[in-house]
Protein backbone atom coordinates (compact mmCIF):
# COMPACT_ATOMS: atom_id res chain seq x y z
CA MET A 1 -0.14 -0.04 -0.05
CA ALA A 2 1.21 3.50 -0.97
CA GLU A 3 2.28 5.86 1.79
CA LYS A 4 -0.34 8.03 3.51
CA ARG A 5 -0.11 11.67 1.85
CA TYR A 6 -1.91 13.68 4.54
CA LYS A 7 -0.09 13.01 8.17
CA VAL A 8 -1.93 13.70 11.00
CA CYS A 9 0.04 14.81 14.19
CA LEU A 10 -2.11 16.22 16.88
CA ALA A 11 -0.86 18.38 19.57
CA ASP A 12 -1.43 17.57 23.35
CA ASP A 13 -4.40 20.16 23.77
CA GLU A 14 -6.12 19.28 20.40
CA ARG A 15 -6.11 15.57 21.58
CA GLU A 16 -7.61 16.22 24.88
CA GLN A 17 -10.28 18.20 23.21
CA LEU A 18 -10.97 15.51 20.74
CA CYS A 19 -11.08 13.12 23.87
CA GLN A 20 -13.70 15.23 25.73
CA MET A 21 -15.71 15.80 22.82
CA ILE A 22 -15.90 11.86 22.36
CA SER A 23 -16.61 11.33 26.22
CA ARG A 24 -19.46 13.65 26.34
CA GLY A 25 -21.11 12.51 23.43
CA LYS A 26 -22.89 15.62 22.86
CA ALA A 27 -22.14 16.31 19.26
CA ALA A 28 -23.23 15.14 15.63
CA ALA A 29 -22.56 11.83 14.83
CA LYS A 30 -20.73 12.78 11.53
CA LYS A 31 -18.55 15.14 13.96
CA LEU A 32 -17.65 12.39 16.52
CA THR A 33 -16.53 9.81 13.81
CA HIS A 34 -14.40 12.62 12.49
CA ALA A 35 -13.07 13.33 15.87
CA ARG A 36 -12.42 9.26 16.58
CA ILE A 37 -10.70 9.24 13.17
CA ARG A 38 -8.54 12.15 13.98
CA LEU A 39 -7.53 10.36 16.91
CA LYS A 40 -6.67 7.10 15.60
CA ALA A 41 -4.93 9.04 12.77
CA ASP A 42 -2.59 10.53 14.90
CA GLU A 43 0.92 9.85 13.91
CA SER A 44 2.72 11.95 16.82
CA PRO A 45 5.35 9.87 18.20
CA GLN A 46 3.77 9.82 21.97
CA TRP A 47 0.50 9.01 21.39
CA GLY A 48 -0.40 8.11 17.75
CA PRO A 49 -1.58 4.53 16.96
CA ALA A 50 -1.76 5.80 13.38
CA TRP A 51 -4.24 3.42 11.94
CA LYS A 52 -4.41 2.03 8.22
CA ASP A 53 -7.21 3.35 6.46
CA GLU A 54 -8.77 -0.21 5.85
CA GLN A 55 -8.76 -0.19 9.80
CA PHE A 56 -10.73 3.00 10.01
CA ALA A 57 -13.31 1.67 7.39
CA GLU A 58 -14.05 -1.63 9.40
CA ALA A 59 -13.98 -0.09 12.87
CA PHE A 60 -16.12 3.04 12.29
CA ASN A 61 -18.23 1.41 9.51
CA THR A 62 -16.91 4.23 7.11
CA ASP A 63 -15.27 4.25 3.55
CA THR A 64 -11.52 4.84 3.26
CA SER A 65 -12.10 7.94 0.99
CA THR A 66 -13.79 9.38 4.35
CA VAL A 67 -10.72 8.68 6.16
CA GLN A 68 -8.72 10.26 3.65
CA ARG A 69 -11.13 13.53 3.34
CA VAL A 70 -11.03 13.75 7.25
CA ARG A 71 -7.20 13.75 7.26
CA LYS A 72 -6.79 16.15 4.23
CA ALA A 73 -9.12 18.71 5.76
CA PHE A 74 -6.84 18.58 8.87
CA VAL A 75 -3.82 19.03 7.33
CA ASN A 76 -4.91 21.64 4.78
CA GLU A 77 -7.56 23.76 7.09
CA GLY A 78 -6.15 23.45 10.56
CA PHE A 79 -7.85 21.69 13.48
CA GLU A 80 -10.67 24.20 14.18
CA LYS A 81 -11.73 24.46 10.53
CA ALA A 82 -11.47 20.82 10.07
CA LEU A 83 -13.45 20.10 13.21
CA ASN A 84 -16.23 22.56 12.30
CA HIS A 85 -16.42 22.38 8.56
CA LYS A 86 -19.36 23.66 6.78
CA LYS A 87 -20.40 22.57 3.13
CA PRO A 88 -19.79 25.21 0.56
CA SER A 89 -22.99 26.65 -0.71
CA ARG A 90 -23.69 25.82 -3.76
CA SER A 91 -25.47 29.29 -4.61
CA ARG A 92 -24.50 30.90 -8.00
CA PRO A 93 -25.42 34.72 -9.00
CA GLY A 94 -28.64 34.71 -10.45
CA LYS A 95 -29.33 35.35 -14.24
CA PHE A 96 -31.64 37.86 -13.90
CA ASP A 97 -30.62 41.52 -12.87
CA ASP A 98 -33.61 43.94 -11.48
CA ASP A 99 -34.16 45.10 -15.18
CA THR A 100 -34.82 41.82 -16.80
CA GLU A 101 -37.09 40.91 -13.68
CA ALA A 102 -39.46 43.95 -14.50
CA HIS A 103 -39.19 43.17 -17.99
CA LEU A 104 -40.64 39.46 -17.42
CA VAL A 105 -42.96 40.71 -15.04
CA ALA A 106 -44.19 43.14 -17.53
CA ILE A 107 -44.52 40.55 -20.37
CA ALA A 108 -46.37 38.52 -18.11
CA ARG A 109 -48.92 40.85 -17.45
CA SER A 110 -49.30 41.51 -21.29
CA GLU A 111 -51.79 40.49 -23.21
CA ALA A 112 -50.94 36.70 -24.16
CA PRO A 113 -49.39 35.84 -27.84
CA GLU A 114 -52.09 35.03 -30.78
CA GLY A 115 -53.20 31.54 -30.38
CA HIS A 116 -52.86 31.38 -26.32
CA ALA A 117 -55.33 32.03 -23.85
CA ARG A 118 -52.50 33.03 -21.49
CA TRP A 119 -48.58 33.12 -21.27
CA SER A 120 -46.88 29.92 -20.03
CA LEU A 121 -43.79 29.72 -18.54
CA ARG A 122 -42.07 28.10 -21.26
CA LEU A 123 -43.93 30.88 -23.69
CA LEU A 124 -42.27 33.63 -21.58
CA ALA A 125 -38.90 31.64 -21.56
CA ASP A 126 -38.79 31.72 -25.38
CA LYS A 127 -39.87 35.09 -25.38
CA LEU A 128 -36.85 36.41 -23.18
CA VAL A 129 -34.26 34.21 -25.55
CA GLU A 130 -36.39 35.82 -28.60
CA LEU A 131 -35.75 39.36 -27.17
CA GLU A 132 -31.97 38.88 -26.41
CA HIS A 133 -32.08 39.14 -22.88
CA PHE A 134 -30.51 35.28 -22.62
CA ASP A 135 -29.01 32.75 -24.88
CA SER A 136 -31.05 30.29 -22.90
CA VAL A 137 -33.40 30.22 -19.95
CA SER A 138 -35.33 27.61 -18.40
CA HIS A 139 -38.93 27.81 -17.80
CA GLU A 140 -38.26 26.74 -14.01
CA THR A 141 -36.11 29.73 -13.63
CA VAL A 142 -38.74 32.09 -15.24
CA ARG A 143 -40.99 30.27 -12.58
CA GLN A 144 -38.89 31.20 -9.63
CA VAL A 145 -38.24 34.96 -10.65
CA LEU A 146 -42.10 35.25 -11.13
CA LYS A 147 -42.65 33.68 -7.65
CA LYS A 148 -40.38 35.77 -6.06
CA ARG A 149 -40.99 38.91 -7.76
CA LEU A 150 -45.07 38.49 -7.01
CA GLU A 151 -44.25 37.67 -3.36
CA THR A 152 -42.50 40.88 -3.05
CA VAL A 153 -44.99 42.91 -4.67
CA ALA A 154 -47.44 41.30 -2.75
CA GLU A 155 -45.73 42.21 0.76
CA GLU A 156 -45.44 45.89 -0.47
CA THR A 157 -49.31 46.64 -1.39
CA VAL A 158 -50.36 44.94 1.93
CA ALA A 159 -50.99 47.38 4.21
CA PRO A 160 -50.96 46.88 8.07
CA SER A 161 -54.57 46.59 9.32
CA SER A 162 -56.15 49.51 11.54
CA GLU A 163 -57.83 47.06 13.50
CA GLY A 164 -54.82 46.75 15.89
CA GLN A 165 -54.67 50.31 16.90
């Protein structure tokens, strides 16, 4: 088997913190498993059992790739960040700017094209492409923008009732 690429060497205070977390058992299961992996992956001469990845997989009922990711996170990000790791957000900037959203709402409120009783989401998406706002746009994106925009308009037009005064 190849040599481990990311070697974990815990300081005494890090080891103590992980041991306390495990003994308390008051954390998410994933976090506790990662703490156990770090403890057993420790290669410091004084404490480290330095288990092999296959031993982790068997003992903690996990995959060897999980062990490798935990070890890599510890080495690259440091103790605290790796312990309290948050998934990266997958959000991307929206296609629509305020002007395009306003234009979409105006089109949706206008008269439907000939041969149609009303605007469909696909017709609106096609119209935006035809008007060269986008190279392509999904009808689902159009739905989400309209939903958001109409909720905002509804919130702005609703005045507080005078009954509570």
